[in-house]
Each structure stands twice: as C-alpha cells, then as structure tokens.
Amino acid sequence: MHIQQPVCGCRIIGTGERNKPLRIEFCPLHQQQHGTIAIVLVRMEQLRHAIQSRNWLEAEFQFDRVLRSLTKQQLP
C-alpha cells in the first residue's frame, strides 16, 4: 500500500486493487469538493485506457473532458 500526503492534508492511498486503485481521505478544505475530485480521477482513468489502447480519437476526447473538469473547479 502506497500513501501520498499532499500539503493540504488529504491522503491519497494506493490500494493495489484493480477495481478501486485509489482511496482518498479528504482534508477539511477539500471535503466539500470530493465529488468533483472523484469525477476527475474517473476521467483520468478513462484517458489512460484510451492511450493504452492507442485510440487517439478517444484519447483526445477524454483529454478534453479531463481538462474541462479541472478548469471547472473553484479555488477557495
């Protein structure tokens, strides 16, 4: 199990499980944004699959979705 701790206080834990590779414990600052963060992680996983399968049209589409998700987040 790999644990990464960003400076904000969230904990990102690599579970090693294929169906749920990451678990995130949110800090008080990001607790209200956990849904948005989860959506970004799912879209990044879809982008990874498109790149691995060398489906470049799908990769471009998924990249745009990830970028839109990241730019929609509001900073506190």
C-alpha atoms as a PDB file:
ATOM      1  CA  MET A   1       0.000   0.000   0.000  1.00  0.00           C
ATOM      2  CA  HIS A   2       1.405   3.375  -1.033  1.00  0.00           C
ATOM      3  CA  ILE A   3       0.299   6.528   0.793  1.00  0.00           C
ATOM      4  CA  GLN A   4       0.813  10.005  -0.605  1.00  0.00           C
ATOM      5  CA  GLN A   5       0.130  13.026   1.586  1.00  0.00           C
ATOM      6  CA  PRO A   6      -0.248  16.364  -0.218  1.00  0.00           C
ATOM      7  CA  VAL A   7       0.474  19.517   1.788  1.00  0.00           C
ATOM      8  CA  CYS A   8      -3.239  20.307   2.190  1.00  0.00           C
ATOM      9  CA  GLY A   9      -3.822  17.302   4.459  1.00  0.00           C
ATOM     10  CA  CYS A  10      -5.675  14.965   2.078  1.00  0.00           C
ATOM     11  CA  ARG A  11      -4.383  11.398   1.983  1.00  0.00           C
ATOM     12  CA  ILE A  12      -4.238   9.506  -1.306  1.00  0.00           C
ATOM     13  CA  ILE A  13      -3.848   5.793  -0.707  1.00  0.00           C
ATOM     14  CA  GLY A  14      -2.930   3.332  -3.448  1.00  0.00           C
ATOM     15  CA  THR A  15      -4.881   0.204  -2.540  1.00  0.00           C
ATOM     16  CA  GLY A  16      -3.360  -2.074  -5.164  1.00  0.00           C
ATOM     17  CA  GLU A  17      -6.832  -3.284  -6.123  1.00  0.00           C
ATOM     18  CA  ARG A  18      -7.726  -3.287  -9.810  1.00  0.00           C
ATOM     19  CA  ASN A  19     -11.355  -2.198  -9.384  1.00  0.00           C
ATOM     20  CA  LYS A  20     -10.520   0.608  -6.923  1.00  0.00           C
ATOM     21  CA  PRO A  21      -6.837   1.586  -7.238  1.00  0.00           C
ATOM     22  CA  LEU A  22      -7.076   4.754  -5.139  1.00  0.00           C
ATOM     23  CA  ARG A  23      -8.762   5.773  -1.904  1.00  0.00           C
ATOM     24  CA  ILE A  24      -8.812   9.430  -0.899  1.00  0.00           C
ATOM     25  CA  GLU A  25      -9.295  10.741   2.625  1.00  0.00           C
ATOM     26  CA  PHE A  26     -10.154  14.409   2.246  1.00  0.00           C
ATOM     27  CA  CYS A  27      -8.897  17.276   4.402  1.00  0.00           C
ATOM     28  CA  PRO A  28     -11.463  19.795   5.753  1.00  0.00           C
ATOM     29  CA  LEU A  29     -10.590  22.225   2.922  1.00  0.00           C
ATOM     30  CA  HIS A  30     -11.429  19.723   0.161  1.00  0.00           C
ATOM     31  CA  GLN A  31     -14.253  17.860   1.902  1.00  0.00           C
ATOM     32  CA  GLN A  32     -16.854  19.909   0.009  1.00  0.00           C
ATOM     33  CA  GLN A  33     -15.168  19.173  -3.339  1.00  0.00           C
ATOM     34  CA  HIS A  34     -14.799  15.390  -3.063  1.00  0.00           C
ATOM     35  CA  GLY A  35     -17.367  14.675  -5.800  1.00  0.00           C
ATOM     36  CA  THR A  36     -15.551  16.863  -8.295  1.00  0.00           C
ATOM     37  CA  ILE A  37     -12.206  15.273  -7.464  1.00  0.00           C
ATOM     38  CA  ALA A  38     -13.655  11.789  -7.891  1.00  0.00           C
ATOM     39  CA  ILE A  39     -15.043  12.707 -11.332  1.00  0.00           C
ATOM     40  CA  VAL A  40     -11.621  13.968 -12.415  1.00  0.00           C
ATOM     41  CA  LEU A  41      -9.982  10.724 -11.255  1.00  0.00           C
ATOM     42  CA  VAL A  42     -12.503   8.623 -13.200  1.00  0.00           C
ATOM     43  CA  ARG A  43     -11.953  10.700 -16.331  1.00  0.00           C
ATOM     44  CA  MET A  44      -8.179  10.411 -15.954  1.00  0.00           C
ATOM     45  CA  GLU A  45      -8.551   6.631 -15.753  1.00  0.00           C
ATOM     46  CA  GLN A  46     -10.648   6.660 -18.946  1.00  0.00           C
ATOM     47  CA  LEU A  47      -7.939   8.761 -20.606  1.00  0.00           C
ATOM     48  CA  ARG A  48      -5.296   6.245 -19.538  1.00  0.00           C
ATOM     49  CA  HIS A  49      -7.277   3.381 -21.081  1.00  0.00           C
ATOM     50  CA  ALA A  50      -7.709   5.299 -24.359  1.00  0.00           C
ATOM     51  CA  ILE A  51      -3.968   5.996 -24.542  1.00  0.00           C
ATOM     52  CA  GLN A  52      -3.062   2.384 -23.753  1.00  0.00           C
ATOM     53  CA  SER A  53      -5.398   1.105 -26.470  1.00  0.00           C
ATOM     54  CA  ARG A  54      -3.931   3.700 -28.871  1.00  0.00           C
ATOM     55  CA  ASN A  55      -7.380   5.009 -29.706  1.00  0.00           C
ATOM     56  CA  TRP A  56      -6.288   8.544 -30.475  1.00  0.00           C
ATOM     57  CA  LEU A  57      -9.740   9.967 -31.191  1.00  0.00           C
ATOM     58  CA  GLU A  58     -10.975   8.638 -27.844  1.00  0.00           C
ATOM     59  CA  ALA A  59      -7.784   9.872 -26.131  1.00  0.00           C
ATOM     60  CA  GLU A  60      -8.339  13.375 -27.496  1.00  0.00           C
ATOM     61  CA  PHE A  61     -11.970  13.318 -26.325  1.00  0.00           C
ATOM     62  CA  GLN A  62     -11.041  12.066 -22.843  1.00  0.00           C
ATOM     63  CA  PHE A  63      -8.214  14.622 -22.556  1.00  0.00           C
ATOM     64  CA  ASP A  64     -10.710  17.408 -23.277  1.00  0.00           C
ATOM     65  CA  ARG A  65     -13.053  16.004 -20.597  1.00  0.00           C
ATOM     66  CA  VAL A  66     -10.243  15.909 -18.016  1.00  0.00           C
ATOM     67  CA  LEU A  67      -9.176  19.451 -18.883  1.00  0.00           C
ATOM     68  CA  ARG A  68     -12.751  20.766 -18.613  1.00  0.00           C
ATOM     69  CA  SER A  69     -13.200  19.016 -15.256  1.00  0.00           C
ATOM     70  CA  LEU A  70     -10.010  20.546 -13.875  1.00  0.00           C
ATOM     71  CA  THR A  71     -10.793  24.072 -15.044  1.00  0.00           C
ATOM     72  CA  LYS A  72     -14.329  23.985 -13.581  1.00  0.00           C
ATOM     73  CA  GLN A  73     -13.041  23.572 -10.015  1.00  0.00           C
ATOM     74  CA  GLN A  74     -13.348  26.673  -7.891  1.00  0.00           C
ATOM     75  CA  LEU A  75     -10.485  27.729  -5.702  1.00  0.00           C
ATOM     76  CA  PRO A  76     -11.295  28.672  -2.102  1.00  0.00           C
END
